[in-house]
Amino acid sequence: MSESNRYKIISAKHYKEIIDLAKSRGTIVDDIEEYKEIGHDYNLAVCPFCKARYREFINNYNVNHFPHWRFHGQSISGTDIVPPPCEHYLVVDRFINFNGHVLEINKYELTGRTQYHCEKPHVMGCFFREPYFDCKAVIHSLPIYKIVEDHFEPKYTAYVITYYSPVDNKEDNMRRLISCDYEGGYFGPPNDDEPDPDSWWDLKKWVKEDKLYWIDPAEKEFTLVKDNVDKFPYGDIKGRVEPYWDEMPPNPYKNW
């Protein structure tokens, strides 16, 4: 059973009522308790070193709930992770793939800002360069819903990549994290200074090198999988590899 099928999806009618309630109160929807309660406690990763689970409460009924850019050390929803999921946790990154669907600017989906990360997920290859070969990453995916007529349908996909480091080398890897900072505090695709930028997008390469693990989307037990590249479900994801800067997705500029 996939992660997306384990939760009871709220009705579009109920969701719209909460959005309209916030408007009637003259406040932003994120500030009212009724909206904060919408969502599910999702498993996002399993630590390759200690097997601790990384869980986060996520509202995936609206792409607006996912921050357009995130600072290092923040959760998927843009808040600080306190405490960390385990002592090996380093940082989490996420990508929203619009799967060719057109976003709509309205109070129920998108407010107008379209500054999003690239759609196609990539690793932070700088975590795997010499002399820091001991980082591991785990990729997982979650649906993001869209109102279609009178109900929600999973139209977009959030890809989540969580990084872990052995405790005895975590300080070195935190320095590597800072060196990967291309956007003044934000994650981003590889820049021109990278020795092998194309490798960041080659997820199968990192599976083969025992750097990238994944969560089996068909397993109810939330199983951590490694090595079996033939069964790797994220090896051929299509999507834009450039961030969106005030452009309405989908926009085919520089796709792989």
C-alpha atoms as a PDB file:
ATOM      1  CA  MET A   1       0.000   0.000   0.000  1.00  0.00           C
ATOM      2  CA  SER A   2       1.455   3.355  -0.991  1.00  0.00           C
ATOM      3  CA  GLU A   3       1.859   6.215   1.468  1.00  0.00           C
ATOM      4  CA  SER A   4      -0.786   8.220  -0.388  1.00  0.00           C
ATOM      5  CA  ASN A   5      -3.441   5.541   0.204  1.00  0.00           C
ATOM      6  CA  ARG A   6      -3.091   5.288   3.986  1.00  0.00           C
ATOM      7  CA  TYR A   7      -4.887   8.504   4.849  1.00  0.00           C
ATOM      8  CA  LYS A   8      -8.468   9.611   4.607  1.00  0.00           C
ATOM      9  CA  ILE A   9      -8.576  12.564   2.238  1.00  0.00           C
ATOM     10  CA  ILE A  10     -10.745  15.477   3.377  1.00  0.00           C
ATOM     11  CA  SER A  11     -13.506  16.731   1.135  1.00  0.00           C
ATOM     12  CA  ALA A  12     -12.957  19.663  -1.180  1.00  0.00           C
ATOM     13  CA  LYS A  13     -16.079  21.240   0.293  1.00  0.00           C
ATOM     14  CA  HIS A  14     -14.619  21.173   3.813  1.00  0.00           C
ATOM     15  CA  TYR A  15     -11.318  22.581   2.566  1.00  0.00           C
ATOM     16  CA  LYS A  16     -13.024  25.469   0.795  1.00  0.00           C
ATOM     17  CA  GLU A  17     -15.061  26.228   3.909  1.00  0.00           C
ATOM     18  CA  ILE A  18     -11.850  26.633   5.925  1.00  0.00           C
ATOM     19  CA  ILE A  19     -10.300  28.916   3.298  1.00  0.00           C
ATOM     20  CA  ASP A  20     -13.455  31.031   3.213  1.00  0.00           C
ATOM     21  CA  LEU A  21     -13.533  31.115   7.023  1.00  0.00           C
ATOM     22  CA  ALA A  22     -10.076  32.670   7.112  1.00  0.00           C
ATOM     23  CA  LYS A  23     -11.137  35.254   4.555  1.00  0.00           C
ATOM     24  CA  SER A  24     -14.238  36.143   6.592  1.00  0.00           C
ATOM     25  CA  ARG A  25     -12.014  36.681   9.642  1.00  0.00           C
ATOM     26  CA  GLY A  26      -9.662  38.907   7.681  1.00  0.00           C
ATOM     27  CA  THR A  27      -6.619  36.743   8.395  1.00  0.00           C
ATOM     28  CA  ILE A  28      -4.285  34.513   6.437  1.00  0.00           C
ATOM     29  CA  VAL A  29      -5.375  30.909   6.363  1.00  0.00           C
ATOM     30  CA  ASP A  30      -2.129  29.598   7.897  1.00  0.00           C
ATOM     31  CA  ASP A  31      -2.986  31.371  11.157  1.00  0.00           C
ATOM     32  CA  ILE A  32      -6.301  29.729  11.919  1.00  0.00           C
ATOM     33  CA  GLU A  33      -6.440  26.514  13.940  1.00  0.00           C
ATOM     34  CA  GLU A  34      -8.864  24.807  11.570  1.00  0.00           C
ATOM     35  CA  TYR A  35      -6.283  25.022   8.767  1.00  0.00           C
ATOM     36  CA  LYS A  36      -3.367  23.938  10.948  1.00  0.00           C
ATOM     37  CA  GLU A  37      -5.203  20.696  11.666  1.00  0.00           C
ATOM     38  CA  ILE A  38      -5.451  19.769   7.978  1.00  0.00           C
ATOM     39  CA  GLY A  39      -2.815  17.307   6.922  1.00  0.00           C
ATOM     40  CA  HIS A  40      -1.221  14.027   7.859  1.00  0.00           C
ATOM     41  CA  ASP A  41       1.799  12.824   9.794  1.00  0.00           C
ATOM     42  CA  TYR A  42       3.885  11.396   6.971  1.00  0.00           C
ATOM     43  CA  ASN A  43       6.924   9.163   7.137  1.00  0.00           C
ATOM     44  CA  LEU A  44       9.575  10.789   4.953  1.00  0.00           C
ATOM     45  CA  ALA A  45      12.770   8.791   5.505  1.00  0.00           C
ATOM     46  CA  VAL A  46      14.538   6.125   7.529  1.00  0.00           C
ATOM     47  CA  CYS A  47      18.069   6.788   8.753  1.00  0.00           C
ATOM     48  CA  PRO A  48      20.500   4.390   7.031  1.00  0.00           C
ATOM     49  CA  PHE A  49      22.670   4.349  10.166  1.00  0.00           C
ATOM     50  CA  CYS A  50      20.291   3.966  13.116  1.00  0.00           C
ATOM     51  CA  LYS A  51      16.974   3.236  11.310  1.00  0.00           C
ATOM     52  CA  ALA A  52      15.156   6.102  13.068  1.00  0.00           C
ATOM     53  CA  ARG A  53      12.189   7.429  11.108  1.00  0.00           C
ATOM     54  CA  TYR A  54      11.884  11.024   9.999  1.00  0.00           C
ATOM     55  CA  ARG A  55       8.230  12.075  10.231  1.00  0.00           C
ATOM     56  CA  GLU A  56       6.595  15.403   9.562  1.00  0.00           C
ATOM     57  CA  PHE A  57       3.054  16.760   9.662  1.00  0.00           C
ATOM     58  CA  ILE A  58       2.359  17.938   6.135  1.00  0.00           C
ATOM     59  CA  ASN A  59      -0.580  19.686   4.529  1.00  0.00           C
ATOM     60  CA  ASN A  60      -0.401  18.416   0.971  1.00  0.00           C
ATOM     61  CA  TYR A  61      -3.760  19.743  -0.180  1.00  0.00           C
ATOM     62  CA  ASN A  62      -2.204  22.831  -1.714  1.00  0.00           C
ATOM     63  CA  VAL A  63       1.130  23.657  -3.350  1.00  0.00           C
ATOM     64  CA  ASN A  64       1.100  26.937  -1.413  1.00  0.00           C
ATOM     65  CA  HIS A  65       1.791  25.022   1.775  1.00  0.00           C
ATOM     66  CA  PHE A  66       5.195  24.034   0.412  1.00  0.00           C
ATOM     67  CA  PRO A  67       7.606  26.967   0.686  1.00  0.00           C
ATOM     68  CA  HIS A  68       8.930  28.238  -2.598  1.00  0.00           C
ATOM     69  CA  TRP A  69      12.511  28.091  -1.292  1.00  0.00           C
ATOM     70  CA  ARG A  70      13.855  26.707   1.952  1.00  0.00           C
ATOM     71  CA  PHE A  71      16.803  27.559   4.121  1.00  0.00           C
ATOM     72  CA  HIS A  72      19.220  24.878   5.272  1.00  0.00           C
ATOM     73  CA  GLY A  73      18.014  23.059   8.381  1.00  0.00           C
ATOM     74  CA  GLN A  74      14.349  23.666   7.769  1.00  0.00           C
ATOM     75  CA  SER A  75      11.615  21.104   7.363  1.00  0.00           C
ATOM     76  CA  ILE A  76       9.610  20.390   4.227  1.00  0.00           C
ATOM     77  CA  SER A  77       6.992  22.904   5.348  1.00  0.00           C
ATOM     78  CA  GLY A  78       9.602  25.594   6.035  1.00  0.00           C
ATOM     79  CA  THR A  79       9.846  25.446   9.840  1.00  0.00           C
ATOM     80  CA  ASP A  80      12.926  24.626  11.881  1.00  0.00           C
ATOM     81  CA  ILE A  81      13.377  20.937  12.709  1.00  0.00           C
ATOM     82  CA  VAL A  82      13.624  20.849  16.509  1.00  0.00           C
ATOM     83  CA  PRO A  83      14.693  18.366  17.660  1.00  0.00           C
ATOM     84  CA  PRO A  84      16.274  16.624  14.656  1.00  0.00           C
ATOM     85  CA  PRO A  85      14.840  13.190  13.782  1.00  0.00           C
ATOM     86  CA  CYS A  86      18.072  11.522  14.944  1.00  0.00           C
ATOM     87  CA  GLU A  87      21.696  12.373  15.609  1.00  0.00           C
ATOM     88  CA  HIS A  88      22.680  11.408  12.054  1.00  0.00           C
ATOM     89  CA  TYR A  89      20.188  13.750  10.355  1.00  0.00           C
ATOM     90  CA  LEU A  90      21.914  16.425   8.285  1.00  0.00           C
ATOM     91  CA  VAL A  91      19.390  18.224   6.063  1.00  0.00           C
ATOM     92  CA  VAL A  92      16.324  17.640   3.890  1.00  0.00           C
ATOM     93  CA  ASP A  93      15.603  18.882   0.372  1.00  0.00           C
ATOM     94  CA  ARG A  94      12.418  18.709  -1.678  1.00  0.00           C
ATOM     95  CA  PHE A  95      11.204  19.168  -5.236  1.00  0.00           C
ATOM     96  CA  ILE A  96       7.688  19.712  -6.576  1.00  0.00           C
ATOM     97  CA  ASN A  97       6.958  18.162  -9.942  1.00  0.00           C
ATOM     98  CA  PHE A  98       3.833  19.545 -11.582  1.00  0.00           C
ATOM     99  CA  ASN A  99       3.568  16.516 -13.890  1.00  0.00           C
ATOM    100  CA  GLY A 100       2.497  18.704 -16.792  1.00  0.00           C
ATOM    101  CA  HIS A 101      -0.589  20.048 -14.994  1.00  0.00           C
ATOM    102  CA  VAL A 102      -1.342  23.751 -15.097  1.00  0.00           C
ATOM    103  CA  LEU A 103      -1.489  25.652 -11.815  1.00  0.00           C
ATOM    104  CA  GLU A 104      -4.364  28.030 -11.242  1.00  0.00           C
ATOM    105  CA  ILE A 105      -4.128  31.383  -9.492  1.00  0.00           C
ATOM    106  CA  ASN A 106      -7.045  31.356  -7.076  1.00  0.00           C
ATOM    107  CA  LYS A 107      -7.577  31.285  -3.327  1.00  0.00           C
ATOM    108  CA  TYR A 108      -7.797  27.502  -3.294  1.00  0.00           C
ATOM    109  CA  GLU A 109      -4.544  26.693  -5.108  1.00  0.00           C
ATOM    110  CA  LEU A 110      -1.981  29.391  -5.856  1.00  0.00           C
ATOM    111  CA  THR A 111      -1.792  32.988  -4.695  1.00  0.00           C
ATOM    112  CA  GLY A 112       0.374  34.150  -7.583  1.00  0.00           C
ATOM    113  CA  ARG A 113       3.950  33.481  -6.457  1.00  0.00           C
ATOM    114  CA  THR A 114       5.613  30.854  -8.605  1.00  0.00           C
ATOM    115  CA  GLN A 115       9.193  30.842  -7.379  1.00  0.00           C
ATOM    116  CA  TYR A 116       9.743  27.109  -7.084  1.00  0.00           C
ATOM    117  CA  HIS A 117      12.733  24.809  -7.070  1.00  0.00           C
ATOM    118  CA  CYS A 118      13.330  22.684 -10.186  1.00  0.00           C
ATOM    119  CA  GLU A 119      10.874  19.851 -10.796  1.00  0.00           C
ATOM    120  CA  LYS A 120      13.343  17.034 -11.453  1.00  0.00           C
ATOM    121  CA  PRO A 121      14.976  15.846  -8.211  1.00  0.00           C
ATOM    122  CA  HIS A 122      18.745  15.795  -7.886  1.00  0.00           C
ATOM    123  CA  VAL A 123      21.184  14.954  -5.130  1.00  0.00           C
ATOM    124  CA  MET A 124      23.563  17.477  -3.606  1.00  0.00           C
ATOM    125  CA  GLY A 125      26.612  15.926  -5.213  1.00  0.00           C
ATOM    126  CA  CYS A 126      28.954  17.961  -3.018  1.00  0.00           C
ATOM    127  CA  PHE A 127      27.981  15.714  -0.089  1.00  0.00           C
ATOM    128  CA  PHE A 128      29.491  12.745  -1.894  1.00  0.00           C
ATOM    129  CA  ARG A 129      32.781  14.264  -3.056  1.00  0.00           C
ATOM    130  CA  GLU A 130      36.171  13.698  -1.493  1.00  0.00           C
ATOM    131  CA  PRO A 131      37.002  13.692   1.341  1.00  0.00           C
ATOM    132  CA  TYR A 132      33.443  13.282   2.605  1.00  0.00           C
ATOM    133  CA  PHE A 133      32.325   9.986   1.150  1.00  0.00           C
ATOM    134  CA  ASP A 134      30.258   8.851   4.095  1.00  0.00           C
ATOM    135  CA  CYS A 135      27.001  10.769   3.656  1.00  0.00           C
ATOM    136  CA  LYS A 136      23.898   8.797   2.731  1.00  0.00           C
ATOM    137  CA  ALA A 137      20.642  10.080   1.244  1.00  0.00           C
ATOM    138  CA  VAL A 138      17.092   8.712   1.176  1.00  0.00           C
ATOM    139  CA  ILE A 139      14.491   9.664  -1.451  1.00  0.00           C
ATOM    140  CA  HIS A 140      10.732   9.389  -1.032  1.00  0.00           C
ATOM    141  CA  SER A 141       7.669  10.880  -2.736  1.00  0.00           C
ATOM    142  CA  LEU A 142       4.301  12.233  -1.653  1.00  0.00           C
ATOM    143  CA  PRO A 143       1.235  13.339  -3.615  1.00  0.00           C
ATOM    144  CA  ILE A 144       0.086  16.954  -3.647  1.00  0.00           C
ATOM    145  CA  TYR A 145      -3.615  17.310  -4.268  1.00  0.00           C
ATOM    146  CA  LYS A 146      -5.624  19.628  -6.483  1.00  0.00           C
ATOM    147  CA  ILE A 147      -9.346  20.340  -6.388  1.00  0.00           C
ATOM    148  CA  VAL A 148     -10.992  18.870  -9.478  1.00  0.00           C
ATOM    149  CA  GLU A 149     -14.692  19.806  -9.647  1.00  0.00           C
ATOM    150  CA  ASP A 150     -15.915  18.758  -6.179  1.00  0.00           C
ATOM    151  CA  HIS A 151     -13.105  16.515  -4.936  1.00  0.00           C
ATOM    152  CA  PHE A 152      -9.341  16.267  -4.489  1.00  0.00           C
ATOM    153  CA  GLU A 153      -7.115  14.379  -6.906  1.00  0.00           C
ATOM    154  CA  PRO A 154      -3.345  13.741  -6.624  1.00  0.00           C
ATOM    155  CA  LYS A 155      -1.998  15.858  -9.473  1.00  0.00           C
ATOM    156  CA  TYR A 156       1.484  16.956  -8.390  1.00  0.00           C
ATOM    157  CA  THR A 157       4.339  15.074  -6.728  1.00  0.00           C
ATOM    158  CA  ALA A 158       6.689  16.144  -3.946  1.00  0.00           C
ATOM    159  CA  TYR A 159      10.051  14.358  -4.023  1.00  0.00           C
ATOM    160  CA  VAL A 160      11.877  14.462  -0.693  1.00  0.00           C
ATOM    161  CA  ILE A 161      15.603  13.736  -0.308  1.00  0.00           C
ATOM    162  CA  THR A 162      16.924  13.493   3.255  1.00  0.00           C
ATOM    163  CA  TYR A 163      20.656  13.435   4.032  1.00  0.00           C
ATOM    164  CA  TYR A 164      22.365  11.631   6.894  1.00  0.00           C
ATOM    165  CA  SER A 165      25.917  11.621   8.209  1.00  0.00           C
ATOM    166  CA  PRO A 166      27.836   9.406  10.664  1.00  0.00           C
ATOM    167  CA  VAL A 167      28.108  11.216  13.964  1.00  0.00           C
ATOM    168  CA  ASP A 168      31.899  11.055  14.024  1.00  0.00           C
ATOM    169  CA  ASN A 169      32.121  13.061  10.802  1.00  0.00           C
ATOM    170  CA  LYS A 170      29.097  15.318  11.126  1.00  0.00           C
ATOM    171  CA  GLU A 171      31.094  18.487  11.744  1.00  0.00           C
ATOM    172  CA  ASP A 172      32.985  17.980   8.486  1.00  0.00           C
ATOM    173  CA  ASN A 173      29.766  17.353   6.622  1.00  0.00           C
ATOM    174  CA  MET A 174      28.186  20.497   8.043  1.00  0.00           C
ATOM    175  CA  ARG A 175      31.094  22.411   6.538  1.00  0.00           C
ATOM    176  CA  ARG A 176      30.375  20.648   3.272  1.00  0.00           C
ATOM    177  CA  LEU A 177      26.747  21.731   3.608  1.00  0.00           C
ATOM    178  CA  ILE A 178      27.844  25.358   3.798  1.00  0.00           C
ATOM    179  CA  SER A 179      30.113  24.900   0.776  1.00  0.00           C
ATOM    180  CA  CYS A 180      27.089  23.653  -1.202  1.00  0.00           C
ATOM    181  CA  ASP A 181      25.303  26.958  -0.626  1.00  0.00           C
ATOM    182  CA  TYR A 182      24.709  28.379  -4.113  1.00  0.00           C
ATOM    183  CA  GLU A 183      21.766  30.667  -3.491  1.00  0.00           C
ATOM    184  CA  GLY A 184      22.605  32.725  -0.423  1.00  0.00           C
ATOM    185  CA  GLY A 185      21.219  30.162   1.995  1.00  0.00           C
ATOM    186  CA  TYR A 186      19.068  28.128  -0.340  1.00  0.00           C
ATOM    187  CA  PHE A 187      19.454  24.837  -2.103  1.00  0.00           C
ATOM    188  CA  GLY A 188      19.604  24.914  -5.865  1.00  0.00           C
ATOM    189  CA  PRO A 189      20.724  22.949  -8.902  1.00  0.00           C
ATOM    190  CA  PRO A 190      24.487  22.526  -9.483  1.00  0.00           C
ATOM    191  CA  ASN A 191      26.333  25.624 -10.584  1.00  0.00           C
ATOM    192  CA  ASP A 192      29.063  25.992 -13.197  1.00  0.00           C
ATOM    193  CA  ASP A 193      31.826  25.408 -10.641  1.00  0.00           C
ATOM    194  CA  GLU A 194      30.794  21.798 -10.073  1.00  0.00           C
ATOM    195  CA  PRO A 195      33.318  19.311 -11.514  1.00  0.00           C
ATOM    196  CA  ASP A 196      30.561  16.938 -12.683  1.00  0.00           C
ATOM    197  CA  PRO A 197      27.169  18.706 -12.561  1.00  0.00           C
ATOM    198  CA  ASP A 198      25.390  16.123 -14.722  1.00  0.00           C
ATOM    199  CA  SER A 199      26.018  13.467 -12.089  1.00  0.00           C
ATOM    200  CA  TRP A 200      23.741  15.326  -9.652  1.00  0.00           C
ATOM    201  CA  TRP A 201      20.764  14.362 -11.819  1.00  0.00           C
ATOM    202  CA  ASP A 202      21.842  10.751 -12.330  1.00  0.00           C
ATOM    203  CA  LEU A 203      20.093   9.196  -9.342  1.00  0.00           C
ATOM    204  CA  LYS A 204      20.832   5.644 -10.489  1.00  0.00           C
ATOM    205  CA  LYS A 205      24.544   6.391 -10.250  1.00  0.00           C
ATOM    206  CA  TRP A 206      24.234   7.138  -6.541  1.00  0.00           C
ATOM    207  CA  VAL A 207      22.119   4.040  -5.950  1.00  0.00           C
ATOM    208  CA  LYS A 208      24.865   1.939  -7.549  1.00  0.00           C
ATOM    209  CA  GLU A 209      27.494   3.639  -5.377  1.00  0.00           C
ATOM    210  CA  ASP A 210      25.535   2.944  -2.166  1.00  0.00           C
ATOM    211  CA  LYS A 211      24.902   6.648  -1.540  1.00  0.00           C
ATOM    212  CA  LEU A 212      21.197   6.918  -2.318  1.00  0.00           C
ATOM    213  CA  TYR A 213      18.522   4.726  -0.739  1.00  0.00           C
ATOM    214  CA  TRP A 214      14.771   4.862  -1.177  1.00  0.00           C
ATOM    215  CA  ILE A 215      11.537   3.949   0.510  1.00  0.00           C
ATOM    216  CA  ASP A 216       9.612   1.252  -1.309  1.00  0.00           C
ATOM    217  CA  PRO A 217       6.348   3.007  -2.315  1.00  0.00           C
ATOM    218  CA  ALA A 218       4.492  -0.303  -2.402  1.00  0.00           C
ATOM    219  CA  GLU A 219       5.441  -1.439   1.101  1.00  0.00           C
ATOM    220  CA  LYS A 220       3.106  -0.771   4.015  1.00  0.00           C
ATOM    221  CA  GLU A 221       5.984  -1.237   6.472  1.00  0.00           C
ATOM    222  CA  PHE A 222       7.899   1.767   5.050  1.00  0.00           C
ATOM    223  CA  THR A 223      10.922  -0.291   4.056  1.00  0.00           C
ATOM    224  CA  LEU A 224      14.342   1.218   3.351  1.00  0.00           C
ATOM    225  CA  VAL A 225      15.756  -0.193   0.094  1.00  0.00           C
ATOM    226  CA  LYS A 226      19.290  -0.075  -1.329  1.00  0.00           C
ATOM    227  CA  ASP A 227      21.441  -1.490  -4.133  1.00  0.00           C
ATOM    228  CA  ASN A 228      18.691  -2.908  -6.393  1.00  0.00           C
ATOM    229  CA  VAL A 229      18.918  -0.304  -9.136  1.00  0.00           C
ATOM    230  CA  ASP A 230      16.632  -2.330 -11.432  1.00  0.00           C
ATOM    231  CA  LYS A 231      13.751  -1.707  -9.019  1.00  0.00           C
ATOM    232  CA  PHE A 232      14.653   1.927  -8.272  1.00  0.00           C
ATOM    233  CA  PRO A 233      11.390   3.845  -8.947  1.00  0.00           C
ATOM    234  CA  TYR A 234      12.895   7.325  -9.369  1.00  0.00           C
ATOM    235  CA  GLY A 235      15.468   6.766 -12.089  1.00  0.00           C
ATOM    236  CA  ASP A 236      13.604   8.347 -14.991  1.00  0.00           C
ATOM    237  CA  ILE A 237      11.676  11.307 -13.613  1.00  0.00           C
ATOM    238  CA  LYS A 238      10.863  13.964 -16.193  1.00  0.00           C
ATOM    239  CA  GLY A 239      10.611  17.653 -15.426  1.00  0.00           C
ATOM    240  CA  ARG A 240      12.201  21.044 -15.555  1.00  0.00           C
ATOM    241  CA  VAL A 241      15.760  21.343 -14.216  1.00  0.00           C
ATOM    242  CA  GLU A 242      15.751  25.106 -13.794  1.00  0.00           C
ATOM    243  CA  PRO A 243      13.942  26.879 -10.931  1.00  0.00           C
ATOM    244  CA  TYR A 244      10.748  28.774 -11.668  1.00  0.00           C
ATOM    245  CA  TRP A 245      11.176  32.514 -11.293  1.00  0.00           C
ATOM    246  CA  ASP A 246       7.729  34.118 -11.506  1.00  0.00           C
ATOM    247  CA  GLU A 247       6.698  31.778 -14.303  1.00  0.00           C
ATOM    248  CA  MET A 248       3.554  29.699 -14.301  1.00  0.00           C
ATOM    249  CA  PRO A 249       4.268  25.958 -14.320  1.00  0.00           C
ATOM    250  CA  PRO A 250       4.483  23.965 -16.380  1.00  0.00           C
ATOM    251  CA  ASN A 251       7.070  25.733 -18.511  1.00  0.00           C
ATOM    252  CA  PRO A 252       9.305  23.460 -20.614  1.00  0.00           C
ATOM    253  CA  TYR A 253      12.433  25.598 -20.303  1.00  0.00           C
ATOM    254  CA  LYS A 254      15.435  23.273 -19.997  1.00  0.00           C
ATOM    255  CA  ASN A 255      13.867  19.908 -19.306  1.00  0.00           C
ATOM    256  CA  TRP A 256      15.668  16.619 -18.966  1.00  0.00           C
END
